């Protein structure tokens, strides 16, 4: 090899070595911490909050260009809105020579976010008089190769309703994030995963959450979705279509082995495992619009459940004599079904517990199938059986306006006819109950109804009240 060729080969190596040496010198000679006040001011201006950097800042050009910052906090009126143990950013080195900044990787460690909504509906991250501008300028084009979040914590509190949501031990990985334009969701594109060790809300505790995320073309998906709640395994998928002015959402979920004793408000009342399936869609920009457009199916199934402190069979035997207990109260468990948190707001079962005089009930089988359209849930097959009795429900629930629509709960004979029945209407919080009725063909002026046990009231012709899947208890 001649001397000229050797020199040509050595030139690129020498240039690379020179660049690396320059990078090392700049990295050690440049004190980025001296710019800390300016960076804090820039963060404050960008977020509208008080930004503080309480830890060291570092600049690196090798092995990849970037910077790291430790102990960051964003505050409003001296109270933390967000804190961060460490933030790291890596950019592509060669585009810097063309005065272009292309973010290769962003890493956030230990972020803690504290969101509060006050009694006036304002969030703690909003400034005084802050409103969204009507003519907001389009978002600049931005791209990030990868975002990594480790050990995140989120706390949300609504001071008016008392609602509280807390998530702990959350990790997030986002790849190929890009967006531009005035409407973020129109151009948002990403793929990734999110997991949380624990999420607590409204008495529920969700663990081991794992979700795959994908966004593009105006849609965002969480599929597959897996988690554990009240001892049950949750699987499903969520999807949102944001292209229209009124977003559309869909959910397909199933819960296997949901333990009722671990559900909020149920620990003292019922024990046993149940299975839940739901397919729901809705459209709207707020909860009111979503409830009015909800449609789909919800199904709850269970067997060998134990209802504590209430012996339903004994209560029904007493009802034959006194008729002093509401049939709706006796059937409150089947009435609630998968919609229990919605329809039991106005219930006071104190009288039912008193009439039961202790004991317990084994719910041999329970089925609670509902079909939802335009925010109205209609009972398709809603019933349960005990050792001696079978009860069923017919009617609809107006979820949007929180009202009962001609709901009737009945005690059945072997033919599926209503021996006793009672209708409930009105608001969930203040329902109106008609006086309990009984099967007229069974009345006899010479024979007291109490002299015939309910399971024998099967003679004569009657109008069938229940044609569902649960058979009468075997004798």
Protein backbone atom coordinates (compact mmCIF):
# COMPACT_ATOMS: atom_id res chain seq x y z
CA UNK A 1 0.00 0.00 0.00
CA UNK A 2 1.51 3.36 -1.05
CA UNK A 3 1.84 6.41 1.18
CA UNK A 4 -1.04 8.35 -0.45
CA UNK A 5 -3.48 5.48 0.17
CA UNK A 6 -2.39 5.16 3.79
CA UNK A 7 -3.01 8.87 4.31
CA UNK A 8 -6.49 8.63 2.76
CA UNK A 9 -7.36 5.83 5.16
CA UNK A 10 -5.98 7.67 8.19
CA UNK A 11 -7.85 10.94 7.55
CA UNK A 12 -11.37 9.70 8.58
CA UNK A 13 -9.91 8.02 11.66
CA UNK A 14 -8.09 11.18 12.63
CA UNK A 15 -11.22 13.31 12.17
CA UNK A 16 -13.29 10.93 14.33
CA UNK A 17 -10.62 10.91 17.02
CA UNK A 18 -10.52 14.71 16.93
CA UNK A 19 -14.29 14.97 17.30
CA UNK A 20 -14.30 12.57 20.22
CA UNK A 21 -11.48 14.49 21.91
CA UNK A 22 -13.38 17.77 21.40
CA UNK A 23 -16.52 16.21 22.86
CA UNK A 24 -14.64 15.07 25.97
CA UNK A 25 -13.08 18.53 26.43
CA UNK A 26 -16.45 20.32 26.01
CA UNK A 27 -18.17 17.88 28.36
CA UNK A 28 -15.65 18.56 31.16
CA UNK A 29 -15.11 22.24 30.48
CA UNK A 30 -18.73 23.34 30.10
CA UNK A 31 -20.57 23.83 33.43
CA UNK A 32 -24.26 23.28 32.69
CA UNK A 33 -25.14 23.92 36.34
CA UNK A 34 -24.36 27.59 35.85
CA UNK A 35 -27.42 27.70 33.58
CA UNK A 36 -29.72 26.23 36.23
CA UNK A 37 -31.56 29.53 36.97
CA UNK A 38 -32.24 30.08 33.27
CA UNK A 39 -33.53 26.50 32.86
CA UNK A 40 -35.78 26.88 35.93
CA UNK A 41 -37.21 30.08 34.43
CA UNK A 42 -37.83 28.37 31.10
CA UNK A 43 -39.61 25.47 32.85
CA UNK A 44 -41.71 27.90 34.86
CA UNK A 45 -42.73 29.81 31.75
CA UNK A 46 -43.58 26.60 29.87
CA UNK A 47 -45.69 25.05 32.66
CA UNK A 48 -47.09 28.14 34.35
CA UNK A 49 -45.85 26.79 37.69
CA UNK A 50 -42.91 27.32 39.99
CA UNK A 51 -40.08 25.09 38.75
CA UNK A 52 -37.16 24.09 41.00
CA UNK A 53 -34.09 22.00 40.26
CA UNK A 54 -32.67 20.79 43.56
CA UNK A 55 -30.14 18.29 42.26
CA UNK A 56 -27.14 18.26 39.93
CA UNK A 57 -27.28 18.68 36.17
CA UNK A 58 -24.95 16.84 33.81
CA UNK A 59 -24.10 17.25 30.14
CA UNK A 60 -22.73 14.37 28.06
CA UNK A 61 -21.56 14.12 24.45
CA UNK A 62 -20.16 10.59 24.61
CA UNK A 63 -21.20 7.77 24.14
CA UNK A 64 -24.35 9.72 23.19
CA UNK A 65 -25.24 13.38 23.38
CA UNK A 66 -27.66 14.36 26.09
CA UNK A 67 -28.24 15.74 29.55
CA UNK A 68 -29.58 14.63 32.92
CA UNK A 69 -31.28 16.55 35.74
CA UNK A 70 -32.06 15.34 39.26
CA UNK A 71 -34.66 16.34 41.86
CA UNK A 72 -37.08 18.47 39.85
CA UNK A 73 -40.30 19.86 41.32
CA UNK A 74 -43.23 21.85 39.92
CA UNK A 75 -45.26 23.76 42.50
CA UNK A 76 -48.36 25.89 42.72
CA UNK A 77 -48.66 28.16 45.78
CA UNK A 78 -45.83 26.30 47.48
CA UNK A 79 -47.45 22.86 47.10
CA UNK A 80 -46.06 20.13 44.87
CA UNK A 81 -47.95 19.35 41.68
CA UNK A 82 -45.22 17.08 40.32
CA UNK A 83 -41.79 15.88 41.40
CA UNK A 84 -39.14 13.86 39.61
CA UNK A 85 -36.11 12.05 40.95
CA UNK A 86 -34.25 12.08 37.65
CA UNK A 87 -34.79 13.11 34.03
CA UNK A 88 -32.52 12.11 31.17
CA UNK A 89 -32.58 13.17 27.52
CA UNK A 90 -30.49 11.80 24.68
CA UNK A 91 -30.32 13.43 21.23
CA UNK A 92 -28.79 12.36 17.95
CA UNK A 93 -25.28 13.80 17.63
CA UNK A 94 -24.88 14.34 13.88
CA UNK A 95 -28.09 16.42 13.42
CA UNK A 96 -26.68 18.83 16.03
CA UNK A 97 -24.07 19.82 13.46
CA UNK A 98 -26.97 20.96 11.24
CA UNK A 99 -28.55 22.80 14.21
CA UNK A 100 -31.35 20.19 14.37
CA UNK A 101 -32.45 18.59 17.66
CA UNK A 102 -33.79 15.06 17.23
CA UNK A 103 -34.66 13.45 20.54
CA UNK A 104 -33.56 9.84 20.65
CA UNK A 105 -34.62 8.89 24.16
CA UNK A 106 -36.27 10.39 27.25
CA UNK A 107 -36.03 8.68 30.62
CA UNK A 108 -37.99 9.68 33.73
CA UNK A 109 -37.32 8.01 37.06
CA UNK A 110 -39.62 8.26 40.08
CA UNK A 111 -42.17 10.80 38.82
CA UNK A 112 -44.86 11.74 41.34
CA UNK A 113 -47.94 13.65 40.17
CA UNK A 114 -50.46 15.18 42.59
CA UNK A 115 -53.65 16.41 40.89
CA UNK A 116 -56.37 18.13 42.93
CA UNK A 117 -59.74 19.41 41.77
CA UNK A 118 -61.17 22.00 44.14
CA UNK A 119 -64.84 22.61 45.00
CA UNK A 120 -65.11 25.16 42.18
CA UNK A 121 -63.94 22.64 39.59
CA UNK A 122 -60.45 24.09 39.12
CA UNK A 123 -57.35 21.92 38.98
CA UNK A 124 -54.22 22.72 40.95
CA UNK A 125 -52.11 22.90 37.77
CA UNK A 126 -54.25 25.71 36.36
CA UNK A 127 -53.19 29.31 36.85
CA UNK A 128 -55.52 32.13 37.97
CA UNK A 129 -57.99 32.90 35.16
CA UNK A 130 -56.29 30.40 32.89
CA UNK A 131 -58.48 29.30 29.96
CA UNK A 132 -57.81 27.42 26.77
CA UNK A 133 -57.29 29.82 23.89
CA UNK A 134 -59.96 29.59 21.20
CA UNK A 135 -57.50 30.04 18.36
CA UNK A 136 -54.61 27.92 19.57
CA UNK A 137 -51.72 27.71 17.16
CA UNK A 138 -50.89 24.30 15.67
CA UNK A 139 -48.50 22.05 17.57
CA UNK A 140 -44.99 21.93 16.17
CA UNK A 141 -43.88 18.69 14.62
CA UNK A 142 -42.15 16.56 17.21
CA UNK A 143 -40.74 13.05 17.27
CA UNK A 144 -39.26 10.99 20.08
CA UNK A 145 -37.69 7.59 19.50
CA UNK A 146 -38.39 6.24 23.00
CA UNK A 147 -39.82 7.42 26.32
CA UNK A 148 -39.24 5.40 29.46
CA UNK A 149 -40.92 6.03 32.82
CA UNK A 150 -39.99 3.99 35.88
CA UNK A 151 -41.61 3.74 39.32
CA UNK A 152 -44.25 6.42 38.78
CA UNK A 153 -46.90 7.52 41.29
CA UNK A 154 -50.18 9.37 40.63
CA UNK A 155 -52.65 10.78 43.17
CA UNK A 156 -55.91 12.43 42.08
CA UNK A 157 -58.37 13.98 44.57
CA UNK A 158 -61.72 15.70 44.02
CA UNK A 159 -62.37 17.94 47.03
CA UNK A 160 -66.08 18.29 46.22
CA UNK A 161 -67.03 14.64 45.69
CA UNK A 162 -64.32 13.14 47.88
CA UNK A 163 -63.28 10.90 44.98
CA UNK A 164 -59.71 9.66 45.16
CA UNK A 165 -57.62 7.69 42.68
CA UNK A 166 -54.08 6.51 43.42
CA UNK A 167 -51.65 4.54 41.25
CA UNK A 168 -48.33 3.16 42.51
CA UNK A 169 -45.33 1.44 40.95
CA UNK A 170 -46.16 2.42 37.38
CA UNK A 171 -43.79 1.86 34.44
CA UNK A 172 -44.33 3.20 30.92
CA UNK A 173 -42.53 2.58 27.65
CA UNK A 174 -43.48 4.54 24.53
CA UNK A 175 -41.83 4.03 21.15
CA UNK A 176 -41.91 6.07 17.94
CA UNK A 177 -43.92 8.94 19.38
CA UNK A 178 -44.85 11.65 16.90
CA UNK A 179 -47.52 14.34 16.56
CA UNK A 180 -48.20 17.66 14.87
CA UNK A 181 -51.06 19.95 14.00
CA UNK A 182 -53.77 21.77 15.92
CA UNK A 183 -55.62 18.66 17.16
CA UNK A 184 -53.23 16.33 18.94
CA UNK A 185 -55.26 13.14 18.45
CA UNK A 186 -55.49 13.64 14.67
CA UNK A 187 -51.78 13.00 14.18
CA UNK A 188 -50.69 11.25 17.39
CA UNK A 189 -48.80 8.05 16.68
CA UNK A 190 -47.14 5.69 19.17
CA UNK A 191 -46.83 2.16 20.47
CA UNK A 192 -45.90 1.01 23.93
CA UNK A 193 -46.79 -0.66 27.19
CA UNK A 194 -47.87 0.50 30.65
CA UNK A 195 -47.94 -1.43 33.90
CA UNK A 196 -48.89 -0.54 37.49
CA UNK A 197 -48.31 -2.50 40.63
CA UNK A 198 -51.44 -1.11 42.28
CA UNK A 199 -54.36 1.21 41.48
CA UNK A 200 -56.95 2.18 44.12
CA UNK A 201 -60.25 3.95 43.38
CA UNK A 202 -63.72 4.01 44.98
CA UNK A 203 -62.86 1.15 47.30
CA UNK A 204 -61.53 -1.04 44.49
CA UNK A 205 -57.94 -2.27 44.48
CA UNK A 206 -56.52 -3.26 41.12
CA UNK A 207 -53.13 -5.01 40.94
CA UNK A 208 -50.70 -6.28 38.32
CA UNK A 209 -52.05 -4.07 35.53
CA UNK A 210 -50.45 -4.64 32.14
CA UNK A 211 -51.63 -2.87 28.99
CA UNK A 212 -50.33 -2.65 25.43
CA UNK A 213 -50.91 0.80 23.89
CA UNK A 214 -51.21 1.85 20.28
CA UNK A 215 -52.28 5.13 18.68
CA UNK A 216 -52.57 6.26 15.08
CA UNK A 217 -55.08 7.53 12.56
CA UNK A 218 -57.12 9.29 15.23
CA UNK A 219 -57.64 6.16 17.34
CA UNK A 220 -56.06 4.95 20.55
CA UNK A 221 -56.21 1.35 21.78
CA UNK A 222 -55.41 -0.46 25.01
CA UNK A 223 -55.24 -4.07 23.91
CA UNK A 224 -54.58 -6.55 25.33
CA UNK A 225 -55.43 -5.39 28.85
CA UNK A 226 -54.78 -7.58 31.90
CA UNK A 227 -55.15 -6.95 35.63
CA UNK A 228 -56.38 -8.46 38.89
CA UNK A 229 -59.32 -7.07 40.85
CA UNK A 230 -60.97 -8.51 43.97
CA UNK A 231 -59.27 -11.85 43.34
CA UNK A 232 -60.49 -12.02 39.74
CA UNK A 233 -58.53 -12.10 36.49
CA UNK A 234 -59.47 -9.26 34.13
CA UNK A 235 -58.89 -9.48 30.39
CA UNK A 236 -60.09 -7.22 27.65
CA UNK A 237 -59.60 -4.32 25.28
CA UNK A 238 -60.43 -0.61 25.21
CA UNK A 239 -60.62 1.59 22.12
CA UNK A 240 -61.29 5.26 21.47
CA UNK A 241 -61.94 6.94 18.12
CA UNK A 242 -61.14 10.66 18.42
CA UNK A 243 -61.55 11.77 14.79
CA UNK A 244 -65.10 13.09 15.19
CA UNK A 245 -66.17 16.04 17.34
CA UNK A 246 -67.92 13.53 19.60
CA UNK A 247 -65.41 10.76 20.47
CA UNK A 248 -66.51 7.12 20.35
CA UNK A 249 -65.41 4.53 22.91
CA UNK A 250 -65.74 0.76 23.19
CA UNK A 251 -64.87 -1.75 25.91
CA UNK A 252 -64.76 -5.54 25.87
CA UNK A 253 -64.00 -6.92 29.32
CA UNK A 254 -64.27 -10.19 31.20
CA UNK A 255 -63.59 -10.94 34.88
CA UNK A 256 -63.20 -14.56 35.98
CA UNK A 257 -63.43 -15.50 39.67
CA UNK A 258 -64.37 -12.06 41.01
CA UNK A 259 -64.62 -12.44 44.82
CA UNK A 260 -67.67 -10.59 46.10
CA UNK A 261 -66.35 -10.38 49.67
CA UNK A 262 -63.43 -8.32 48.39
CA UNK A 263 -65.64 -5.83 46.53
CA UNK A 264 -66.45 -2.45 48.13
CA UNK A 265 -69.43 -2.60 50.50
CA UNK A 266 -69.83 -6.36 50.13
CA UNK A 267 -67.42 -7.74 52.73
CA UNK A 268 -70.13 -8.16 55.40
CA UNK A 269 -72.88 -9.34 53.08
CA UNK A 270 -71.81 -11.96 50.57
CA UNK A 271 -69.07 -14.45 49.82
CA UNK A 272 -68.25 -16.33 46.68
CA UNK A 273 -66.83 -16.04 43.19
CA UNK A 274 -68.61 -14.61 40.17
CA UNK A 275 -67.87 -14.10 36.49
CA UNK A 276 -68.57 -10.85 34.65
CA UNK A 277 -68.63 -10.12 30.92
CA UNK A 278 -69.28 -6.75 29.33
CA UNK A 279 -69.32 -5.31 25.82
CA UNK A 280 -70.11 -1.59 25.87
CA UNK A 281 -69.88 1.33 23.46
CA UNK A 282 -70.63 5.01 24.01
CA UNK A 283 -70.16 8.37 22.32
CA UNK A 284 -69.70 11.78 23.88
CA UNK A 285 -67.44 14.45 25.32
CA UNK A 286 -68.51 14.13 28.95
CA UNK A 287 -70.04 11.63 31.37
CA UNK A 288 -73.59 12.86 30.72
CA UNK A 289 -73.32 12.33 26.95
CA UNK A 290 -71.62 8.97 27.44
CA UNK A 291 -74.35 7.67 29.76
CA UNK A 292 -77.10 8.71 27.33
CA UNK A 293 -75.47 6.95 24.37
CA UNK A 294 -74.27 3.80 26.16
CA UNK A 295 -75.19 0.51 24.49
CA UNK A 296 -74.12 -3.11 24.73
CA UNK A 297 -74.48 -6.11 27.03
CA UNK A 298 -73.47 -6.87 30.62
CA UNK A 299 -73.66 -10.34 32.17
CA UNK A 300 -72.97 -11.56 35.71
CA UNK A 301 -73.03 -15.26 36.66
CA UNK A 302 -72.38 -17.07 39.93
CA UNK A 303 -73.20 -20.17 41.93
CA UNK A 304 -72.91 -21.41 45.52
CA UNK A 305 -72.74 -17.87 46.85
CA UNK A 306 -73.28 -17.30 50.57
CA UNK A 307 -75.40 -14.30 51.63
CA UNK A 308 -74.52 -13.57 55.26
CA UNK A 309 -76.86 -12.50 58.08
CA UNK A 310 -79.97 -13.02 55.95
CA UNK A 311 -81.98 -16.23 55.53
CA UNK A 312 -84.10 -15.42 52.49
CA UNK A 313 -86.13 -18.63 52.73
CA UNK A 314 -87.06 -17.83 56.32
CA UNK A 315 -87.90 -14.24 55.41
CA UNK A 316 -90.25 -15.43 52.65
CA UNK A 317 -91.93 -17.85 55.02
CA UNK A 318 -92.59 -14.96 57.40
CA UNK A 319 -93.78 -12.81 54.51
CA UNK A 320 -96.59 -15.28 53.80
CA UNK A 321 -97.99 -14.45 57.23
CA UNK A 322 -97.16 -10.80 57.79
CA UNK A 323 -96.47 -9.38 54.27
CA UNK A 324 -94.57 -6.64 56.11
CA UNK A 325 -91.34 -6.87 54.14
CA UNK A 326 -90.80 -5.40 50.69
CA UNK A 327 -90.28 -8.05 48.02
CA UNK A 328 -87.88 -5.61 46.34
CA UNK A 329 -85.72 -5.62 49.48
CA UNK A 330 -85.64 -9.42 49.51
CA UNK A 331 -84.59 -9.36 45.86
CA UNK A 332 -82.17 -6.46 46.21
CA UNK A 333 -79.23 -8.75 45.57
CA UNK A 334 -80.58 -9.97 42.24
CA UNK A 335 -81.77 -6.46 41.40
CA UNK A 336 -78.28 -5.04 41.77
CA UNK A 337 -76.39 -7.63 39.75
CA UNK A 338 -73.57 -6.08 37.69
CA UNK A 339 -75.12 -2.63 38.18
CA UNK A 340 -75.09 -2.75 42.00
CA UNK A 341 -73.11 0.45 42.54
CA UNK A 342 -75.67 2.36 40.46
CA UNK A 343 -79.07 1.18 41.66
CA UNK A 344 -78.60 0.59 45.40
CA UNK A 345 -78.16 4.25 46.37
CA UNK A 346 -81.58 4.50 48.01
CA UNK A 347 -81.67 1.14 49.77
CA UNK A 348 -81.98 0.64 53.50
CA UNK A 349 -82.07 -3.09 54.20
CA UNK A 350 -82.28 -2.68 57.98
CA UNK A 351 -85.83 -4.01 58.08
CA UNK A 352 -84.89 -7.01 55.99
CA UNK A 353 -81.97 -7.89 58.29
CA UNK A 354 -84.25 -7.55 61.32
CA UNK A 355 -86.89 -9.81 59.82
CA UNK A 356 -84.29 -12.42 58.94
CA UNK A 357 -83.18 -12.89 62.57
CA UNK A 358 -79.72 -13.96 61.52
CA UNK A 359 -78.84 -17.03 59.54
CA UNK A 360 -77.50 -17.12 55.99
CA UNK A 361 -78.58 -17.96 52.47
CA UNK A 362 -76.89 -20.09 49.86
CA UNK A 363 -77.55 -18.64 46.43
CA UNK A 364 -77.37 -21.83 44.40
CA UNK A 365 -77.27 -20.04 41.06
CA UNK A 366 -77.47 -16.44 39.93
CA UNK A 367 -77.80 -14.98 36.45
CA UNK A 368 -78.01 -11.26 35.72
CA UNK A 369 -78.00 -10.42 32.01
CA UNK A 370 -78.72 -6.87 30.86
CA UNK A 371 -78.96 -5.26 27.44
CA UNK A 372 -78.17 -1.54 27.22
CA UNK A 373 -79.37 0.86 24.53
CA UNK A 374 -79.41 4.69 24.61
CA UNK A 375 -78.50 4.62 28.28
CA UNK A 376 -81.37 2.28 29.23
CA UNK A 377 -80.45 -1.11 30.75
CA UNK A 378 -83.17 -3.71 30.16
CA UNK A 379 -83.28 -6.95 32.17
CA UNK A 380 -82.91 -9.90 29.78
CA UNK A 381 -82.49 -12.79 32.21
CA UNK A 382 -82.26 -11.76 35.86
CA UNK A 383 -82.93 -14.34 38.57
CA UNK A 384 -81.48 -16.39 41.42
CA UNK A 385 -82.37 -19.58 43.25
CA UNK A 386 -82.02 -20.58 46.90
CA UNK A 387 -82.61 -24.01 48.41
CA UNK A 388 -86.40 -23.48 48.40
CA UNK A 389 -87.20 -20.43 46.28
CA UNK A 390 -86.65 -18.72 42.97
CA UNK A 391 -86.81 -14.94 42.46
CA UNK A 392 -86.65 -12.92 39.24
CA UNK A 393 -86.69 -9.35 37.98
CA UNK A 394 -88.20 -7.63 34.92
CA UNK A 395 -87.98 -4.03 33.78
CA UNK A 396 -85.43 -1.38 32.88
CA UNK A 397 -82.98 1.02 34.49
CA UNK A 398 -82.48 4.52 33.12
CA UNK A 399 -78.76 4.92 33.79
CA UNK A 400 -78.55 8.42 32.31
CA UNK A 401 -81.26 9.82 34.62
CA UNK A 402 -80.72 7.31 37.47
CA UNK A 403 -84.32 6.05 37.53
CA UNK A 404 -86.17 2.75 37.77
CA UNK A 405 -88.46 2.11 34.79
CA UNK A 406 -91.30 -0.23 35.82
CA UNK A 407 -89.01 -2.70 37.56
CA UNK A 408 -90.83 -5.67 39.10
CA UNK A 409 -89.31 -8.22 41.49
CA UNK A 410 -91.21 -11.48 42.00
CA UNK A 411 -91.13 -14.72 43.97
CA UNK A 412 -91.92 -17.56 41.55
CA UNK A 413 -93.63 -20.91 41.66
CA UNK A 414 -92.46 -23.97 39.75
CA UNK A 415 -94.22 -22.79 36.58
CA UNK A 416 -92.41 -19.44 36.61
CA UNK A 417 -95.52 -17.51 37.67
CA UNK A 418 -95.33 -14.71 40.24
CA UNK A 419 -96.59 -15.84 43.66
CA UNK A 420 -95.62 -12.50 45.20
CA UNK A 421 -94.46 -9.44 43.25
CA UNK A 422 -93.71 -5.78 43.80
CA UNK A 423 -93.04 -2.89 41.44
CA UNK A 424 -90.45 -0.15 41.98
CA UNK A 425 -90.24 3.15 40.09
CA UNK A 426 -88.65 6.58 40.49
CA UNK A 427 -85.16 7.82 41.26
CA UNK A 428 -82.45 5.45 42.48
CA UNK A 429 -81.88 7.64 45.53
CA UNK A 430 -85.57 7.85 46.44
CA UNK A 431 -87.48 4.93 44.86
CA UNK A 432 -91.25 4.43 45.11
CA UNK A 433 -92.46 0.91 45.86
CA UNK A 434 -96.01 -0.27 45.20
CA UNK A 435 -97.72 -2.51 47.71
CA UNK A 436 -96.70 -6.15 47.20
CA UNK A 437 -99.18 -8.20 45.18
CA UNK A 438 -99.89 -11.92 45.12
CA UNK A 439 -101.17 -14.49 42.64
CA UNK A 440 -104.94 -13.85 42.65
CA UNK A 441 -105.89 -17.35 41.50
CA UNK A 442 -104.36 -18.75 44.68
CA UNK A 443 -106.44 -16.66 47.07
CA UNK A 444 -109.14 -18.53 48.91
CA UNK A 445 -111.37 -16.97 51.58
CA UNK A 446 -111.38 -20.23 53.52
CA UNK A 447 -107.70 -21.15 53.26
CA UNK A 448 -104.99 -18.85 54.55
CA UNK A 449 -102.11 -18.25 52.16
CA UNK A 450 -99.77 -18.91 55.06
CA UNK A 451 -101.03 -22.50 55.24
CA UNK A 452 -99.41 -23.27 51.88
CA UNK A 453 -95.62 -23.16 51.55
CA UNK A 454 -94.41 -21.13 48.59
CA UNK A 455 -92.88 -24.11 46.80
CA UNK A 456 -96.31 -25.79 46.61
CA UNK A 457 -98.12 -22.81 45.08
CA UNK A 458 -98.02 -24.31 41.59
CA UNK A 459 -101.54 -25.33 40.83
CA UNK A 460 -103.99 -23.70 38.45
CA UNK A 461 -103.31 -21.55 35.42
CA UNK A 462 -101.24 -18.38 35.63
CA UNK A 463 -99.31 -15.92 33.52
CA UNK A 464 -95.65 -16.87 33.35
CA UNK A 465 -93.48 -14.08 34.75
CA UNK A 466 -90.06 -15.64 34.14
CA UNK A 467 -88.93 -17.64 31.09
CA UNK A 468 -85.19 -17.43 31.70
CA UNK A 469 -82.43 -19.98 32.10
CA UNK A 470 -82.72 -20.81 35.82
CA UNK A 471 -84.97 -23.78 36.72
CA UNK A 472 -86.97 -23.96 39.93
CA UNK A 473 -85.06 -25.46 42.91
CA UNK A 474 -85.21 -29.23 42.96
CA UNK A 475 -87.37 -30.73 45.70
